[in-house]
Amino acid sequence: MGSVGVLLLVTVVGAVVCAKAHSAGGAVVFSLFALVLLLATPVGAGLPGAVSTFVSAFDRAATPALNRTEPVEDAPVVAESPGGDR
């Protein structure tokens, strides 16, 4: 897969050309193809996890402000003993 970089470059250039020619559909197709190629590379493999972490952090920060409630602190997880209370 040594030519993935060249394919990425071609898809980005194709998206730019389509956008300049006012062909929105072509630009979207080229952009989606470039995204799929990027996610197939080792560099892009961590991208979905990073986006998920960012969106989750943004959601935790925005929800109290939108609901007008106090933010909930993350409680530490305490493991219970297998014997229960004695």
PDB file of N, CA and C in Angstrom:
ATOM      1  N   MET A   1       0.819  -1.182   0.000  1.00  0.00           N
ATOM      2  CA  MET A   1       0.000   0.000   0.000  1.00  0.00           C
ATOM      3  C   MET A   1       0.861   1.243   0.000  1.00  0.00           C
ATOM      4  N   GLY A   2       1.907   1.255  -0.741  1.00  0.00           N
ATOM      5  CA  GLY A   2       2.793   2.398  -0.794  1.00  0.00           C
ATOM      6  C   GLY A   2       2.229   3.567  -1.566  1.00  0.00           C
ATOM      7  N   SER A   3       1.224   3.338  -2.375  1.00  0.00           N
ATOM      8  CA  SER A   3       0.687   4.418  -3.203  1.00  0.00           C
ATOM      9  C   SER A   3      -0.552   5.071  -2.605  1.00  0.00           C
ATOM     10  N   VAL A   4      -0.839   4.806  -1.339  1.00  0.00           N
ATOM     11  CA  VAL A   4      -2.017   5.404  -0.716  1.00  0.00           C
ATOM     12  C   VAL A   4      -1.862   6.919  -0.628  1.00  0.00           C
ATOM     13  N   GLY A   5      -0.655   7.390  -0.379  1.00  0.00           N
ATOM     14  CA  GLY A   5      -0.417   8.830  -0.317  1.00  0.00           C
ATOM     15  C   GLY A   5      -0.723   9.509  -1.639  1.00  0.00           C
ATOM     16  N   VAL A   6      -0.351   8.863  -2.733  1.00  0.00           N
ATOM     17  CA  VAL A   6      -0.635   9.422  -4.059  1.00  0.00           C
ATOM     18  C   VAL A   6      -2.138   9.421  -4.309  1.00  0.00           C
ATOM     19  N   LEU A   7      -2.814   8.347  -3.929  1.00  0.00           N
ATOM     20  CA  LEU A   7      -4.261   8.292  -4.097  1.00  0.00           C
ATOM     21  C   LEU A   7      -4.964   9.358  -3.259  1.00  0.00           C
ATOM     22  N   LEU A   8      -4.474   9.582  -2.038  1.00  0.00           N
ATOM     23  CA  LEU A   8      -5.039  10.642  -1.209  1.00  0.00           C
ATOM     24  C   LEU A   8      -4.864  12.002  -1.867  1.00  0.00           C
ATOM     25  N   LEU A   9      -3.684  12.254  -2.396  1.00  0.00           N
ATOM     26  CA  LEU A   9      -3.420  13.527  -3.069  1.00  0.00           C
ATOM     27  C   LEU A   9      -4.346  13.704  -4.273  1.00  0.00           C
ATOM     28  N   VAL A  10      -4.521  12.648  -5.047  1.00  0.00           N
ATOM     29  CA  VAL A  10      -5.378  12.721  -6.236  1.00  0.00           C
ATOM     30  C   VAL A  10      -6.827  12.996  -5.824  1.00  0.00           C
ATOM     31  N   THR A  11      -7.304  12.356  -4.756  1.00  0.00           N
ATOM     32  CA  THR A  11      -8.686  12.580  -4.338  1.00  0.00           C
ATOM     33  C   THR A  11      -8.893  13.990  -3.787  1.00  0.00           C
ATOM     34  N   VAL A  12      -7.908  14.518  -3.063  1.00  0.00           N
ATOM     35  CA  VAL A  12      -8.029  15.883  -2.552  1.00  0.00           C
ATOM     36  C   VAL A  12      -8.009  16.877  -3.706  1.00  0.00           C
ATOM     37  N   VAL A  13      -7.116  16.673  -4.664  1.00  0.00           N
ATOM     38  CA  VAL A  13      -7.071  17.558  -5.836  1.00  0.00           C
ATOM     39  C   VAL A  13      -8.379  17.443  -6.624  1.00  0.00           C
ATOM     40  N   GLY A  14      -8.909  16.233  -6.758  1.00  0.00           N
ATOM     41  CA  GLY A  14     -10.186  16.050  -7.455  1.00  0.00           C
ATOM     42  C   GLY A  14     -11.323  16.769  -6.751  1.00  0.00           C
ATOM     43  N   ALA A  15     -11.327  16.735  -5.420  1.00  0.00           N
ATOM     44  CA  ALA A  15     -12.368  17.443  -4.667  1.00  0.00           C
ATOM     45  C   ALA A  15     -12.255  18.946  -4.867  1.00  0.00           C
ATOM     46  N   VAL A  16     -11.028  19.470  -4.870  1.00  0.00           N
ATOM     47  CA  VAL A  16     -10.823  20.904  -5.079  1.00  0.00           C
ATOM     48  C   VAL A  16     -11.263  21.309  -6.483  1.00  0.00           C
ATOM     49  N   VAL A  17     -10.903  20.517  -7.478  1.00  0.00           N
ATOM     50  CA  VAL A  17     -11.289  20.821  -8.857  1.00  0.00           C
ATOM     51  C   VAL A  17     -12.803  20.815  -8.998  1.00  0.00           C
ATOM     52  N   CYS A  18     -13.461  19.809  -8.415  1.00  0.00           N
ATOM     53  CA  CYS A  18     -14.922  19.751  -8.494  1.00  0.00           C
ATOM     54  C   CYS A  18     -15.564  20.925  -7.762  1.00  0.00           C
ATOM     55  N   ALA A  19     -14.994  21.313  -6.627  1.00  0.00           N
ATOM     56  CA  ALA A  19     -15.547  22.454  -5.897  1.00  0.00           C
ATOM     57  C   ALA A  19     -15.388  23.746  -6.693  1.00  0.00           C
ATOM     58  N   LYS A  20     -14.239  23.922  -7.346  1.00  0.00           N
ATOM     59  CA  LYS A  20     -14.019  25.118  -8.170  1.00  0.00           C
ATOM     60  C   LYS A  20     -14.960  25.129  -9.373  1.00  0.00           C
ATOM     61  N   ALA A  21     -15.311  23.956  -9.894  1.00  0.00           N
ATOM     62  CA  ALA A  21     -16.201  23.858 -11.053  1.00  0.00           C
ATOM     63  C   ALA A  21     -17.670  23.861 -10.634  1.00  0.00           C
ATOM     64  N   HIS A  22     -17.937  24.107  -9.347  1.00  0.00           N
ATOM     65  CA  HIS A  22     -19.291  24.154  -8.805  1.00  0.00           C
ATOM     66  C   HIS A  22     -20.031  22.834  -8.987  1.00  0.00           C
ATOM     67  N   SER A  23     -19.303  21.735  -8.856  1.00  0.00           N
ATOM     68  CA  SER A  23     -19.903  20.414  -8.911  1.00  0.00           C
ATOM     69  C   SER A  23     -19.875  19.837  -7.496  1.00  0.00           C
ATOM     70  N   ALA A  24     -20.912  20.146  -6.732  1.00  0.00           N
ATOM     71  CA  ALA A  24     -20.939  19.744  -5.323  1.00  0.00           C
ATOM     72  C   ALA A  24     -20.939  18.229  -5.166  1.00  0.00           C
ATOM     73  N   GLY A  25     -21.667  17.536  -6.009  1.00  0.00           N
ATOM     74  CA  GLY A  25     -21.731  16.078  -5.908  1.00  0.00           C
ATOM     75  C   GLY A  25     -20.369  15.428  -6.118  1.00  0.00           C
ATOM     76  N   GLY A  26     -19.640  15.891  -7.117  1.00  0.00           N
ATOM     77  CA  GLY A  26     -18.306  15.354  -7.368  1.00  0.00           C
ATOM     78  C   GLY A  26     -17.346  15.639  -6.229  1.00  0.00           C
ATOM     79  N   ALA A  27     -17.436  16.837  -5.665  1.00  0.00           N
ATOM     80  CA  ALA A  27     -16.569  17.199  -4.543  1.00  0.00           C
ATOM     81  C   ALA A  27     -16.866  16.324  -3.326  1.00  0.00           C
ATOM     82  N   VAL A  28     -18.133  16.044  -3.084  1.00  0.00           N
ATOM     83  CA  VAL A  28     -18.509  15.191  -1.951  1.00  0.00           C
ATOM     84  C   VAL A  28     -17.998  13.774  -2.163  1.00  0.00           C
ATOM     85  N   VAL A  29     -18.152  13.254  -3.370  1.00  0.00           N
ATOM     86  CA  VAL A  29     -17.688  11.890  -3.661  1.00  0.00           C
ATOM     87  C   VAL A  29     -16.177  11.785  -3.491  1.00  0.00           C
ATOM     88  N   PHE A  30     -15.437  12.741  -4.040  1.00  0.00           N
ATOM     89  CA  PHE A  30     -13.984  12.729  -3.893  1.00  0.00           C
ATOM     90  C   PHE A  30     -13.580  12.859  -2.423  1.00  0.00           C
ATOM     91  N   SER A  31     -14.275  13.697  -1.672  1.00  0.00           N
ATOM     92  CA  SER A  31     -13.953  13.881  -0.255  1.00  0.00           C
ATOM     93  C   SER A  31     -14.223  12.613   0.549  1.00  0.00           C
ATOM     94  N   LEU A  32     -15.332  11.955   0.285  1.00  0.00           N
ATOM     95  CA  LEU A  32     -15.635  10.710   0.984  1.00  0.00           C
ATOM     96  C   LEU A  32     -14.629   9.615   0.642  1.00  0.00           C
ATOM     97  N   PHE A  33     -14.221   9.558  -0.621  1.00  0.00           N
ATOM     98  CA  PHE A  33     -13.219   8.574  -1.019  1.00  0.00           C
ATOM     99  C   PHE A  33     -11.887   8.862  -0.324  1.00  0.00           C
ATOM    100  N   ALA A  34     -11.533  10.140  -0.209  1.00  0.00           N
ATOM    101  CA  ALA A  34     -10.297  10.506   0.494  1.00  0.00           C
ATOM    102  C   ALA A  34     -10.387  10.136   1.970  1.00  0.00           C
ATOM    103  N   LEU A  35     -11.549  10.322   2.583  1.00  0.00           N
ATOM    104  CA  LEU A  35     -11.723   9.962   3.981  1.00  0.00           C
ATOM    105  C   LEU A  35     -11.583   8.459   4.194  1.00  0.00           C
ATOM    106  N   VAL A  36     -12.162   7.674   3.301  1.00  0.00           N
ATOM    107  CA  VAL A  36     -12.037   6.211   3.399  1.00  0.00           C
ATOM    108  C   VAL A  36     -10.582   5.789   3.243  1.00  0.00           C
ATOM    109  N   LEU A  37      -9.878   6.407   2.307  1.00  0.00           N
ATOM    110  CA  LEU A  37      -8.457   6.080   2.132  1.00  0.00           C
ATOM    111  C   LEU A  37      -7.643   6.476   3.353  1.00  0.00           C
ATOM    112  N   LEU A  38      -7.954   7.626   3.947  1.00  0.00           N
ATOM    113  CA  LEU A  38      -7.223   8.067   5.136  1.00  0.00           C
ATOM    114  C   LEU A  38      -7.452   7.113   6.292  1.00  0.00           C
ATOM    115  N   LEU A  39      -8.687   6.669   6.490  1.00  0.00           N
ATOM    116  CA  LEU A  39      -8.977   5.749   7.590  1.00  0.00           C
ATOM    117  C   LEU A  39      -8.339   4.383   7.386  1.00  0.00           C
ATOM    118  N   ALA A  40      -8.002   4.047   6.156  1.00  0.00           N
ATOM    119  CA  ALA A  40      -7.355   2.765   5.881  1.00  0.00           C
ATOM    120  C   ALA A  40      -5.872   2.785   6.209  1.00  0.00           C
ATOM    121  N   THR A  41      -5.298   3.963   6.397  1.00  0.00           N
ATOM    122  CA  THR A  41      -3.872   4.065   6.710  1.00  0.00           C
ATOM    123  C   THR A  41      -3.663   3.935   8.211  1.00  0.00           C
ATOM    124  N   PRO A  42      -2.454   3.567   8.636  1.00  0.00           N
ATOM    125  CA  PRO A  42      -2.181   3.490  10.081  1.00  0.00           C
ATOM    126  C   PRO A  42      -2.319   4.839  10.778  1.00  0.00           C
ATOM    127  N   VAL A  43      -2.018   5.918  10.085  1.00  0.00           N
ATOM    128  CA  VAL A  43      -2.137   7.248  10.685  1.00  0.00           C
ATOM    129  C   VAL A  43      -3.596   7.575  10.970  1.00  0.00           C
ATOM    130  N   GLY A  44      -4.485   7.231  10.062  1.00  0.00           N
ATOM    131  CA  GLY A  44      -5.896   7.553  10.222  1.00  0.00           C
ATOM    132  C   GLY A  44      -6.683   6.551  11.032  1.00  0.00           C
ATOM    133  N   ALA A  45      -6.056   5.452  11.439  1.00  0.00           N
ATOM    134  CA  ALA A  45      -6.778   4.414  12.175  1.00  0.00           C
ATOM    135  C   ALA A  45      -7.266   4.913  13.531  1.00  0.00           C
ATOM    136  N   GLY A  46      -6.555   5.825  14.157  1.00  0.00           N
ATOM    137  CA  GLY A  46      -6.956   6.355  15.462  1.00  0.00           C
ATOM    138  C   GLY A  46      -7.936   7.508  15.371  1.00  0.00           C
ATOM    139  N   LEU A  47      -8.248   7.958  14.170  1.00  0.00           N
ATOM    140  CA  LEU A  47      -9.126   9.118  13.996  1.00  0.00           C
ATOM    141  C   LEU A  47     -10.538   8.907  14.539  1.00  0.00           C
ATOM    142  N   PRO A  48     -11.201   7.777  14.300  1.00  0.00           N
ATOM    143  CA  PRO A  48     -12.555   7.610  14.859  1.00  0.00           C
ATOM    144  C   PRO A  48     -12.577   7.665  16.390  1.00  0.00           C
ATOM    145  N   GLY A  49     -11.587   7.081  17.038  1.00  0.00           N
ATOM    146  CA  GLY A  49     -11.522   7.131  18.498  1.00  0.00           C
ATOM    147  C   GLY A  49     -11.291   8.540  19.016  1.00  0.00           C
ATOM    148  N   ALA A  50     -10.449   9.298  18.316  1.00  0.00           N
ATOM    149  CA  ALA A  50     -10.181  10.679  18.724  1.00  0.00           C
ATOM    150  C   ALA A  50     -11.427  11.549  18.566  1.00  0.00           C
ATOM    151  N   VAL A  51     -12.136  11.367  17.477  1.00  0.00           N
ATOM    152  CA  VAL A  51     -13.363  12.140  17.255  1.00  0.00           C
ATOM    153  C   VAL A  51     -14.407  11.763  18.305  1.00  0.00           C
ATOM    154  N   SER A  52     -14.515  10.493  18.620  1.00  0.00           N
ATOM    155  CA  SER A  52     -15.469  10.034  19.627  1.00  0.00           C
ATOM    156  C   SER A  52     -15.154  10.631  20.996  1.00  0.00           C
ATOM    157  N   THR A  53     -13.883  10.663  21.375  1.00  0.00           N
ATOM    158  CA  THR A  53     -13.484  11.245  22.644  1.00  0.00           C
ATOM    159  C   THR A  53     -13.796  12.733  22.684  1.00  0.00           C
ATOM    160  N   PHE A  54     -13.526  13.442  21.598  1.00  0.00           N
ATOM    161  CA  PHE A  54     -13.799  14.875  21.529  1.00  0.00           C
ATOM    162  C   PHE A  54     -15.293  15.149  21.658  1.00  0.00           C
ATOM    163  N   VAL A  55     -16.111  14.412  20.925  1.00  0.00           N
ATOM    164  CA  VAL A  55     -17.561  14.631  20.962  1.00  0.00           C
ATOM    165  C   VAL A  55     -18.108  14.301  22.346  1.00  0.00           C
ATOM    166  N   SER A  56     -17.593  13.243  22.974  1.00  0.00           N
ATOM    167  CA  SER A  56     -18.039  12.869  24.308  1.00  0.00           C
ATOM    168  C   SER A  56     -17.691  13.954  25.326  1.00  0.00           C
ATOM    169  N   ALA A  57     -16.476  14.488  25.253  1.00  0.00           N
ATOM    170  CA  ALA A  57     -16.071  15.561  26.168  1.00  0.00           C
ATOM    171  C   ALA A  57     -16.905  16.816  25.939  1.00  0.00           C
ATOM    172  N   PHE A  58     -17.169  17.126  24.686  1.00  0.00           N
ATOM    173  CA  PHE A  58     -17.996  18.299  24.368  1.00  0.00           C
ATOM    174  C   PHE A  58     -19.409  18.108  24.897  1.00  0.00           C
ATOM    175  N   ASP A  59     -19.950  16.903  24.774  1.00  0.00           N
ATOM    176  CA  ASP A  59     -21.295  16.617  25.262  1.00  0.00           C
ATOM    177  C   ASP A  59     -21.360  16.742  26.778  1.00  0.00           C
ATOM    178  N   ARG A  60     -20.341  16.207  27.481  1.00  0.00           N
ATOM    179  CA  ARG A  60     -20.329  16.306  28.940  1.00  0.00           C
ATOM    180  C   ARG A  60     -20.235  17.759  29.400  1.00  0.00           C
ATOM    181  N   ALA A  61     -19.543  18.600  28.635  1.00  0.00           N
ATOM    182  CA  ALA A  61     -19.411  20.001  29.014  1.00  0.00           C
ATOM    183  C   ALA A  61     -20.656  20.810  28.664  1.00  0.00           C
ATOM    184  N   ALA A  62     -21.312  20.486  27.568  1.00  0.00           N
ATOM    185  CA  ALA A  62     -22.434  21.296  27.093  1.00  0.00           C
ATOM    186  C   ALA A  62     -23.764  20.915  27.734  1.00  0.00           C
ATOM    187  N   THR A  63     -23.956  19.677  28.106  1.00  0.00           N
ATOM    188  CA  THR A  63     -25.255  19.237  28.621  1.00  0.00           C
ATOM    189  C   THR A  63     -25.683  19.991  29.872  1.00  0.00           C
ATOM    190  N   PRO A  64     -24.826  20.179  30.886  1.00  0.00           N
ATOM    191  CA  PRO A  64     -25.279  20.946  32.058  1.00  0.00           C
ATOM    192  C   PRO A  64     -25.657  22.391  31.711  1.00  0.00           C
ATOM    193  N   ALA A  65     -24.948  22.999  30.790  1.00  0.00           N
ATOM    194  CA  ALA A  65     -25.258  24.375  30.409  1.00  0.00           C
ATOM    195  C   ALA A  65     -26.591  24.451  29.677  1.00  0.00           C
ATOM    196  N   LEU A  66     -26.865  23.476  28.850  1.00  0.00           N
ATOM    197  CA  LEU A  66     -28.125  23.487  28.102  1.00  0.00           C
ATOM    198  C   LEU A  66     -29.317  23.127  28.971  1.00  0.00           C
ATOM    199  N   ASN A  67     -29.116  22.274  29.965  1.00  0.00           N
ATOM    200  CA  ASN A  67     -30.207  21.858  30.853  1.00  0.00           C
ATOM    201  C   ASN A  67     -30.323  22.730  32.088  1.00  0.00           C
ATOM    202  N   ARG A  68     -29.389  23.668  32.241  1.00  0.00           N
ATOM    203  CA  ARG A  68     -29.330  24.564  33.409  1.00  0.00           C
ATOM    204  C   ARG A  68     -29.268  23.769  34.705  1.00  0.00           C
ATOM    205  N   THR A  69     -28.364  22.802  34.741  1.00  0.00           N
ATOM    206  CA  THR A  69     -28.139  22.004  35.939  1.00  0.00           C
ATOM    207  C   THR A  69     -26.678  22.099  36.310  1.00  0.00           C
ATOM    208  N   GLU A  70     -26.366  21.638  37.501  1.00  0.00           N
ATOM    209  CA  GLU A  70     -24.977  21.598  37.941  1.00  0.00           C
ATOM    210  C   GLU A  70     -24.284  20.410  37.273  1.00  0.00           C
ATOM    211  N   PRO A  71     -23.017  20.580  36.889  1.00  0.00           N
ATOM    212  CA  PRO A  71     -22.310  19.448  36.274  1.00  0.00           C
ATOM    213  C   PRO A  71     -22.121  18.310  37.277  1.00  0.00           C
ATOM    214  N   VAL A  72     -22.268  17.098  36.793  1.00  0.00           N
ATOM    215  CA  VAL A  72     -22.094  15.916  37.619  1.00  0.00           C
ATOM    216  C   VAL A  72     -20.623  15.545  37.602  1.00  0.00           C
ATOM    217  N   GLU A  73     -20.066  15.419  38.796  1.00  0.00           N
ATOM    218  CA  GLU A  73     -18.667  15.018  38.898  1.00  0.00           C
ATOM    219  C   GLU A  73     -18.557  13.524  38.635  1.00  0.00           C
ATOM    220  N   ASP A  74     -17.497  13.131  37.960  1.00  0.00           N
ATOM    221  CA  ASP A  74     -17.270  11.713  37.710  1.00  0.00           C
ATOM    222  C   ASP A  74     -16.880  11.051  39.021  1.00  0.00           C
ATOM    223  N   ALA A  75     -17.722  10.139  39.488  1.00  0.00           N
ATOM    224  CA  ALA A  75     -17.459   9.437  40.739  1.00  0.00           C
ATOM    225  C   ALA A  75     -16.445   8.332  40.498  1.00  0.00           C
ATOM    226  N   PRO A  76     -15.510   8.155  41.422  1.00  0.00           N
ATOM    227  CA  PRO A  76     -14.545   7.065  41.256  1.00  0.00           C
ATOM    228  C   PRO A  76     -15.240   5.715  41.396  1.00  0.00           C
ATOM    229  N   VAL A  77     -14.802   4.759  40.630  1.00  0.00           N
ATOM    230  CA  VAL A  77     -15.362   3.423  40.664  1.00  0.00           C
ATOM    231  C   VAL A  77     -14.720   2.669  41.807  1.00  0.00           C
ATOM    232  N   VAL A  78     -15.569   2.154  42.723  1.00  0.00           N
ATOM    233  CA  VAL A  78     -15.085   1.415  43.884  1.00  0.00           C
ATOM    234  C   VAL A  78     -15.500  -0.031  43.719  1.00  0.00           C
ATOM    235  N   ALA A  79     -14.537  -0.918  43.752  1.00  0.00           N
ATOM    236  CA  ALA A  79     -14.830  -2.341  43.614  1.00  0.00           C
ATOM    237  C   ALA A  79     -15.361  -2.871  44.937  1.00  0.00           C
ATOM    238  N   GLU A  80     -16.459  -3.609  44.874  1.00  0.00           N
ATOM    239  CA  GLU A  80     -17.017  -4.189  46.077  1.00  0.00           C
ATOM    240  C   GLU A  80     -16.341  -5.521  46.375  1.00  0.00           C
ATOM    241  N   SER A  81     -16.261  -5.833  47.642  1.00  0.00           N
ATOM    242  CA  SER A  81     -15.656  -7.109  48.008  1.00  0.00           C
ATOM    243  C   SER A  81     -16.629  -8.231  47.674  1.00  0.00           C
ATOM    244  N   PRO A  82     -16.124  -9.396  47.273  1.00  0.00           N
ATOM    245  CA  PRO A  82     -17.019 -10.480  46.876  1.00  0.00           C
ATOM    246  C   PRO A  82     -17.872 -11.015  48.015  1.00  0.00           C
ATOM    247  N   GLY A  83     -17.468 -10.795  49.274  1.00  0.00           N
ATOM    248  CA  GLY A  83     -18.222 -11.314  50.417  1.00  0.00           C
ATOM    249  C   GLY A  83     -19.328 -10.395  50.856  1.00  0.00           C
ATOM    250  N   GLY A  84     -19.403  -9.189  50.317  1.00  0.00           N
ATOM    251  CA  GLY A  84     -20.423  -8.245  50.745  1.00  0.00           C
ATOM    252  C   GLY A  84     -20.047  -7.606  52.078  1.00  0.00           C
ATOM    253  N   ASP A  85     -21.028  -6.976  52.761  1.00  0.00           N
ATOM    254  CA  ASP A  85     -20.774  -6.365  54.057  1.00  0.00           C
ATOM    255  C   ASP A  85     -20.775  -7.427  55.140  1.00  0.00           C
ATOM    256  N   ARG A  86     -19.812  -7.370  56.027  1.00  0.00           N
ATOM    257  CA  ARG A  86     -19.728  -8.327  57.139  1.00  0.00           C
ATOM    258  C   ARG A  86     -19.545  -7.593  58.403  1.00  0.00           C
TER     259      ARG A  86
END
